Amino acid sequence: MQFNTIFLPADFSQNKLKVLSLVKLLVQIKDNDGTIIEAFETVSSEKIYTINSTLTDNMRVEVSVVQGEIVEFYPVVTAL
């Protein structure tokens, strides 16, 4: 089962993500060129993640399942 989602800077008010997932997710902050500005993996025991980079209009936040993880239930990811 695949899971990929993209958030734009306008989706955020607090530069945070709320993640409910039993599997590891890869979070990548990229600019328009696809250059990775910041990246981290989530863990199931943590729910709130702060994005350290200042999001500008030419950036996006991409969230996907870490390769090799088996997804039984779709993750829920919310921009805060």
C-alpha atoms as a PDB file:
ATOM      1  CA  MET A   1       0.000   0.000   0.000  1.00  0.00           C
ATOM      2  CA  GLN A   2       1.440   3.363  -1.013  1.00  0.00           C
ATOM      3  CA  PHE A   3       1.137   6.587   0.929  1.00  0.00           C
ATOM      4  CA  ASN A   4       2.447   9.921  -0.353  1.00  0.00           C
ATOM      5  CA  THR A   5       1.235  13.403   0.438  1.00  0.00           C
ATOM      6  CA  ILE A   6       2.437  16.950  -0.155  1.00  0.00           C
ATOM      7  CA  PHE A   7       1.834  20.032   1.974  1.00  0.00           C
ATOM      8  CA  LEU A   8       2.461  23.611   0.878  1.00  0.00           C
ATOM      9  CA  PRO A   9       3.658  26.390   3.210  1.00  0.00           C
ATOM     10  CA  ALA A  10       0.160  27.925   3.274  1.00  0.00           C
ATOM     11  CA  ASP A  11      -1.113  24.734   4.942  1.00  0.00           C
ATOM     12  CA  PHE A  12       0.957  25.469   8.078  1.00  0.00           C
ATOM     13  CA  SER A  13       0.317  27.921  10.902  1.00  0.00           C
ATOM     14  CA  GLN A  14       2.808  26.485  13.431  1.00  0.00           C
ATOM     15  CA  ASN A  15       5.509  24.802  11.261  1.00  0.00           C
ATOM     16  CA  LYS A  16       4.525  21.439  12.757  1.00  0.00           C
ATOM     17  CA  LEU A  17       3.152  18.107  11.575  1.00  0.00           C
ATOM     18  CA  LYS A  18       0.814  15.867  13.547  1.00  0.00           C
ATOM     19  CA  VAL A  19       1.457  12.249  12.585  1.00  0.00           C
ATOM     20  CA  LEU A  20      -0.564   9.173  13.498  1.00  0.00           C
ATOM     21  CA  SER A  21       1.178   6.195  11.934  1.00  0.00           C
ATOM     22  CA  LEU A  22       2.206   2.679  12.910  1.00  0.00           C
ATOM     23  CA  VAL A  23       5.023   2.733  10.321  1.00  0.00           C
ATOM     24  CA  LYS A  24       7.987   5.056   9.796  1.00  0.00           C
ATOM     25  CA  LEU A  25       7.369   7.969   7.466  1.00  0.00           C
ATOM     26  CA  LEU A  26       9.971  10.010   5.616  1.00  0.00           C
ATOM     27  CA  VAL A  27       9.370  13.768   5.784  1.00  0.00           C
ATOM     28  CA  GLN A  28      11.301  15.882   3.274  1.00  0.00           C
ATOM     29  CA  ILE A  29      11.207  19.651   2.928  1.00  0.00           C
ATOM     30  CA  LYS A  30      12.153  20.520  -0.656  1.00  0.00           C
ATOM     31  CA  ASP A  31      12.490  23.671  -2.737  1.00  0.00           C
ATOM     32  CA  ASN A  32      11.139  24.089  -6.286  1.00  0.00           C
ATOM     33  CA  ASP A  33      14.265  22.477  -7.747  1.00  0.00           C
ATOM     34  CA  GLY A  34      13.729  19.333  -5.675  1.00  0.00           C
ATOM     35  CA  THR A  35      16.706  20.088  -3.427  1.00  0.00           C
ATOM     36  CA  ILE A  36      16.164  18.617   0.041  1.00  0.00           C
ATOM     37  CA  ILE A  37      16.351  21.372   2.663  1.00  0.00           C
ATOM     38  CA  GLU A  38      15.510  19.185   5.655  1.00  0.00           C
ATOM     39  CA  ALA A  39      14.560  15.532   6.132  1.00  0.00           C
ATOM     40  CA  PHE A  40      13.640  13.265   9.021  1.00  0.00           C
ATOM     41  CA  GLU A  41      11.870   9.995   9.794  1.00  0.00           C
ATOM     42  CA  THR A  42       8.953   9.644  12.159  1.00  0.00           C
ATOM     43  CA  VAL A  43       8.504   7.006  14.855  1.00  0.00           C
ATOM     44  CA  SER A  44       5.184   5.573  16.003  1.00  0.00           C
ATOM     45  CA  SER A  45       5.634   6.752  19.598  1.00  0.00           C
ATOM     46  CA  GLU A  46       5.918  10.437  18.660  1.00  0.00           C
ATOM     47  CA  LYS A  47       2.947  12.439  17.358  1.00  0.00           C
ATOM     48  CA  ILE A  48       4.076  16.067  16.868  1.00  0.00           C
ATOM     49  CA  TYR A  49       7.089  17.059  14.762  1.00  0.00           C
ATOM     50  CA  THR A  50       8.498  20.555  14.403  1.00  0.00           C
ATOM     51  CA  ILE A  51       9.864  21.604  11.034  1.00  0.00           C
ATOM     52  CA  ASN A  52      13.079  23.492  11.770  1.00  0.00           C
ATOM     53  CA  SER A  53      13.343  25.172   8.365  1.00  0.00           C
ATOM     54  CA  THR A  54      11.478  28.394   7.702  1.00  0.00           C
ATOM     55  CA  LEU A  55       8.965  27.484   5.020  1.00  0.00           C
ATOM     56  CA  THR A  56       8.887  29.868   2.070  1.00  0.00           C
ATOM     57  CA  ASP A  57       6.497  29.995  -0.879  1.00  0.00           C
ATOM     58  CA  ASN A  58       8.892  28.021  -3.090  1.00  0.00           C
ATOM     59  CA  MET A  59       9.017  25.012  -0.739  1.00  0.00           C
ATOM     60  CA  ARG A  60       6.898  21.931  -0.184  1.00  0.00           C
ATOM     61  CA  VAL A  61       6.738  19.233   2.489  1.00  0.00           C
ATOM     62  CA  GLU A  62       6.593  15.698   1.115  1.00  0.00           C
ATOM     63  CA  VAL A  63       5.593  12.768   3.327  1.00  0.00           C
ATOM     64  CA  SER A  64       5.962   9.136   2.232  1.00  0.00           C
ATOM     65  CA  VAL A  65       6.329   5.696   3.784  1.00  0.00           C
ATOM     66  CA  VAL A  66       9.931   4.620   4.435  1.00  0.00           C
ATOM     67  CA  GLN A  67      10.905   1.985   1.890  1.00  0.00           C
ATOM     68  CA  GLY A  68      10.444  -1.555   3.189  1.00  0.00           C
ATOM     69  CA  GLU A  69       7.710  -0.665   5.680  1.00  0.00           C
ATOM     70  CA  ILE A  70       4.454  -2.630   5.372  1.00  0.00           C
ATOM     71  CA  VAL A  71       1.401  -0.390   5.674  1.00  0.00           C
ATOM     72  CA  GLU A  72      -1.669  -2.022   7.176  1.00  0.00           C
ATOM     73  CA  PHE A  73      -3.503   1.212   7.930  1.00  0.00           C
ATOM     74  CA  TYR A  74      -3.126   4.516   6.143  1.00  0.00           C
ATOM     75  CA  PRO A  75      -1.194   7.104   8.183  1.00  0.00           C
ATOM     76  CA  VAL A  76      -2.910  10.319   9.144  1.00  0.00           C
ATOM     77  CA  VAL A  77      -0.733  13.407   8.678  1.00  0.00           C
ATOM     78  CA  THR A  78      -1.967  16.919   9.424  1.00  0.00           C
ATOM     79  CA  ALA A  79      -0.218  20.265   8.934  1.00  0.00           C
ATOM     80  CA  LEU A  80      -0.364  22.432  12.057  1.00  0.00           C
END
